[in-house]
Structures are given as C-alpha cells and as structure tokens.
Amino acid sequence: MKVNVKCFANLSKEGTCDYHGSTPCEIPDKGTVMDVVKKLDLNGDDIKIIFVNHKEVTLDSVLKEGDQVALSPKTGGM
C-alpha cells in the first residue's frame, strides 16, 4: 500500500523524505509507522514526534492506504 511521508529537520533527505512536500512510500498492507521508518532507512530512536493524518501516534501504529505521515526528530531539550 502507499502512504505519503513528510520528514522534518535532520530526518529530511533529498529524494527520500523531504519537508518541502510529501514523499510516496510503499509498505506492506497493515504496515506500521516503523515499516515506513525502515523503508526510508531512518533510525527510529531519532524520531520524537509522529503524526498520521494530523493525529499524534507511535511507531507501532498501523497505517492505511493514503495516510499522511509526518516524522519529526528529537531536538534540543526533547
């Protein structure tokens, strides 16, 4: 299934996961946010805040086709 991902700050990688627009990401049906993190070759320990469709979730949250995923890193004091 396909979800759309937006990465912020140091998680942003040109061509893989960008903050300028959402990046399509193919993951297995009933995949989780962690599947997205692995597919994008990110470190789950570096992620502090996760939103799916504007609601805060966790790495083990199950995704649906077309979900909008936003990943934000740990930053000073977090």
N, C-alpha and C. Protein backbone atom coordinates (compact mmCIF):
# COMPACT_ATOMS: atom_id res chain seq x y z
N MET A 1 0.85 -1.18 0.00
CA MET A 1 0.00 0.00 0.00
C MET A 1 0.89 1.23 0.00
N LYS A 2 0.32 2.34 -0.40
CA LYS A 2 1.10 3.57 -0.49
C LYS A 2 0.62 4.57 0.56
N VAL A 3 1.60 5.14 1.30
CA VAL A 3 1.33 6.25 2.22
C VAL A 3 2.22 7.41 1.78
N ASN A 4 1.94 8.59 2.27
CA ASN A 4 2.73 9.78 1.95
C ASN A 4 3.43 10.27 3.20
N VAL A 5 4.73 10.54 3.08
CA VAL A 5 5.55 10.85 4.24
C VAL A 5 6.22 12.21 4.08
N LYS A 6 6.27 12.93 5.17
CA LYS A 6 6.97 14.21 5.23
C LYS A 6 7.93 14.12 6.42
N CYS A 7 9.20 14.46 6.19
CA CYS A 7 10.21 14.42 7.25
C CYS A 7 10.71 15.84 7.54
N PHE A 8 11.00 16.10 8.79
CA PHE A 8 11.42 17.43 9.20
C PHE A 8 12.84 17.42 9.76
N ALA A 9 13.47 18.60 9.71
CA ALA A 9 14.81 18.86 10.27
C ALA A 9 15.82 17.84 9.73
N ASN A 10 16.63 17.25 10.62
CA ASN A 10 17.70 16.38 10.16
C ASN A 10 17.21 15.02 9.65
N LEU A 11 15.92 14.72 9.74
CA LEU A 11 15.38 13.49 9.15
C LEU A 11 15.17 13.65 7.65
N SER A 12 15.13 14.88 7.18
CA SER A 12 14.87 15.16 5.77
C SER A 12 16.06 14.74 4.91
N LYS A 13 15.76 13.97 3.87
CA LYS A 13 16.79 13.54 2.92
C LYS A 13 16.28 13.82 1.51
N GLU A 14 17.03 14.57 0.75
CA GLU A 14 16.64 14.91 -0.62
C GLU A 14 16.36 13.64 -1.42
N GLY A 15 15.18 13.56 -2.01
CA GLY A 15 14.82 12.43 -2.84
C GLY A 15 14.27 11.24 -2.09
N THR A 16 14.44 11.18 -0.78
CA THR A 16 13.93 10.05 0.01
C THR A 16 12.77 10.48 0.88
N CYS A 17 12.99 11.49 1.66
CA CYS A 17 11.94 12.01 2.55
C CYS A 17 12.24 13.49 2.75
N ASP A 18 11.37 14.33 2.30
CA ASP A 18 11.64 15.76 2.23
C ASP A 18 10.60 16.54 3.03
N TYR A 19 10.95 17.73 3.48
CA TYR A 19 9.98 18.57 4.19
C TYR A 19 9.24 19.51 3.26
N HIS A 20 9.67 19.61 2.00
CA HIS A 20 9.01 20.51 1.05
C HIS A 20 7.67 19.97 0.58
N GLY A 21 7.52 18.68 0.56
CA GLY A 21 6.28 18.04 0.10
C GLY A 21 6.28 16.61 0.58
N SER A 22 5.18 15.92 0.43
CA SER A 22 5.15 14.55 0.90
C SER A 22 5.75 13.61 -0.14
N THR A 23 6.39 12.56 0.36
CA THR A 23 7.04 11.56 -0.47
C THR A 23 6.23 10.27 -0.41
N PRO A 24 5.84 9.69 -1.56
CA PRO A 24 5.13 8.42 -1.53
C PRO A 24 6.04 7.31 -1.02
N CYS A 25 5.48 6.40 -0.24
CA CYS A 25 6.24 5.29 0.31
C CYS A 25 5.39 4.03 0.26
N GLU A 26 5.90 2.98 -0.38
CA GLU A 26 5.21 1.70 -0.47
C GLU A 26 5.60 0.84 0.72
N ILE A 27 4.60 0.36 1.46
CA ILE A 27 4.83 -0.55 2.58
C ILE A 27 3.81 -1.68 2.47
N PRO A 28 4.02 -2.79 3.21
CA PRO A 28 3.06 -3.90 3.15
C PRO A 28 1.69 -3.48 3.70
N ASP A 29 0.63 -4.16 3.23
CA ASP A 29 -0.70 -3.94 3.81
C ASP A 29 -0.62 -4.15 5.32
N LYS A 30 -1.35 -3.36 6.07
CA LYS A 30 -1.34 -3.37 7.53
C LYS A 30 0.04 -3.04 8.09
N GLY A 31 0.83 -2.30 7.31
CA GLY A 31 2.15 -1.87 7.75
C GLY A 31 2.04 -0.82 8.84
N THR A 32 3.13 -0.61 9.54
CA THR A 32 3.17 0.35 10.65
C THR A 32 4.08 1.53 10.30
N VAL A 33 4.07 2.51 11.19
CA VAL A 33 4.99 3.64 11.03
C VAL A 33 6.43 3.13 11.01
N MET A 34 6.74 2.11 11.82
CA MET A 34 8.09 1.56 11.84
C MET A 34 8.48 0.99 10.47
N ASP A 35 7.52 0.42 9.74
CA ASP A 35 7.80 -0.06 8.38
C ASP A 35 8.23 1.10 7.49
N VAL A 36 7.59 2.25 7.64
CA VAL A 36 7.95 3.45 6.88
C VAL A 36 9.36 3.88 7.27
N VAL A 37 9.64 3.92 8.55
CA VAL A 37 10.96 4.33 9.05
C VAL A 37 12.05 3.44 8.46
N LYS A 38 11.82 2.13 8.47
CA LYS A 38 12.81 1.19 7.92
C LYS A 38 12.95 1.38 6.41
N LYS A 39 11.84 1.53 5.71
CA LYS A 39 11.86 1.70 4.26
C LYS A 39 12.67 2.94 3.86
N LEU A 40 12.57 3.99 4.67
CA LEU A 40 13.29 5.23 4.39
C LEU A 40 14.70 5.24 4.98
N ASP A 41 15.10 4.11 5.57
CA ASP A 41 16.43 3.97 6.16
C ASP A 41 16.70 5.02 7.23
N LEU A 42 15.69 5.25 8.08
CA LEU A 42 15.82 6.17 9.20
C LEU A 42 16.00 5.37 10.48
N ASN A 43 16.50 6.01 11.52
CA ASN A 43 16.66 5.38 12.83
C ASN A 43 15.47 5.76 13.70
N GLY A 44 14.69 4.78 14.12
CA GLY A 44 13.51 5.03 14.94
C GLY A 44 13.83 5.76 16.24
N ASP A 45 15.04 5.55 16.76
CA ASP A 45 15.44 6.23 18.00
C ASP A 45 15.60 7.74 17.81
N ASP A 46 15.77 8.17 16.57
CA ASP A 46 15.94 9.60 16.28
C ASP A 46 14.61 10.33 16.15
N ILE A 47 13.51 9.59 16.13
CA ILE A 47 12.20 10.20 15.89
C ILE A 47 11.49 10.44 17.23
N LYS A 48 11.04 11.66 17.43
CA LYS A 48 10.38 12.04 18.69
C LYS A 48 8.88 12.19 18.51
N ILE A 49 8.45 12.83 17.43
CA ILE A 49 7.03 13.12 17.23
C ILE A 49 6.59 12.53 15.90
N ILE A 50 5.47 11.81 15.92
CA ILE A 50 4.91 11.20 14.71
C ILE A 50 3.45 11.60 14.61
N PHE A 51 3.08 12.12 13.46
CA PHE A 51 1.67 12.42 13.19
C PHE A 51 1.21 11.61 12.00
N VAL A 52 0.01 11.05 12.10
CA VAL A 52 -0.66 10.41 10.97
C VAL A 52 -2.00 11.10 10.82
N ASN A 53 -2.19 11.71 9.66
CA ASN A 53 -3.42 12.46 9.40
C ASN A 53 -3.70 13.48 10.51
N HIS A 54 -2.64 14.18 10.94
CA HIS A 54 -2.70 15.28 11.92
C HIS A 54 -2.99 14.82 13.34
N LYS A 55 -2.85 13.51 13.63
CA LYS A 55 -3.03 13.00 15.00
C LYS A 55 -1.73 12.34 15.44
N GLU A 56 -1.31 12.62 16.69
CA GLU A 56 -0.07 12.05 17.19
C GLU A 56 -0.24 10.55 17.42
N VAL A 57 0.75 9.77 16.94
CA VAL A 57 0.72 8.31 17.06
C VAL A 57 2.09 7.81 17.49
N THR A 58 2.25 6.48 17.53
CA THR A 58 3.52 5.86 17.91
C THR A 58 4.08 5.05 16.73
N LEU A 59 5.31 4.58 16.87
CA LEU A 59 5.95 3.81 15.81
C LEU A 59 5.21 2.52 15.47
N ASP A 60 4.46 1.96 16.42
CA ASP A 60 3.76 0.70 16.15
C ASP A 60 2.34 0.91 15.62
N SER A 61 1.96 2.14 15.33
CA SER A 61 0.62 2.42 14.79
C SER A 61 0.48 1.85 13.39
N VAL A 62 -0.65 1.17 13.14
CA VAL A 62 -0.93 0.58 11.83
C VAL A 62 -1.46 1.66 10.89
N LEU A 63 -0.96 1.63 9.67
CA LEU A 63 -1.33 2.63 8.67
C LEU A 63 -2.33 2.07 7.67
N LYS A 64 -3.00 3.00 6.96
CA LYS A 64 -3.95 2.65 5.91
C LYS A 64 -3.51 3.33 4.61
N GLU A 65 -3.97 2.79 3.50
CA GLU A 65 -3.70 3.36 2.18
C GLU A 65 -4.00 4.86 2.18
N GLY A 66 -3.04 5.65 1.70
CA GLY A 66 -3.24 7.08 1.56
C GLY A 66 -2.98 7.91 2.80
N ASP A 67 -2.62 7.26 3.93
CA ASP A 67 -2.34 8.03 5.15
C ASP A 67 -1.22 9.04 4.90
N GLN A 68 -1.31 10.16 5.61
CA GLN A 68 -0.29 11.21 5.60
C GLN A 68 0.53 11.08 6.88
N VAL A 69 1.81 10.77 6.75
CA VAL A 69 2.70 10.53 7.89
C VAL A 69 3.70 11.67 7.97
N ALA A 70 3.88 12.24 9.17
CA ALA A 70 4.88 13.28 9.39
C ALA A 70 5.81 12.82 10.51
N LEU A 71 7.11 12.91 10.26
CA LEU A 71 8.12 12.46 11.22
C LEU A 71 8.99 13.64 11.63
N SER A 72 9.14 13.82 12.94
CA SER A 72 9.95 14.92 13.45
C SER A 72 10.98 14.36 14.44
N PRO A 73 12.23 14.85 14.38
CA PRO A 73 13.28 14.32 15.25
C PRO A 73 13.25 14.91 16.65
N LYS A 74 14.07 14.29 17.49
CA LYS A 74 14.34 14.87 18.80
C LYS A 74 15.14 16.15 18.54
N THR A 75 14.81 17.18 19.27
CA THR A 75 15.56 18.43 19.16
C THR A 75 15.90 18.90 20.56
N GLY A 76 16.69 19.93 20.69
CA GLY A 76 17.14 20.42 21.97
C GLY A 76 16.09 20.39 23.06
N GLY A 77 16.39 19.68 24.14
CA GLY A 77 15.51 19.63 25.30
C GLY A 77 14.39 18.61 25.22
N MET A 78 14.28 17.89 24.11
CA MET A 78 13.18 16.91 23.97
C MET A 78 13.61 15.55 24.44
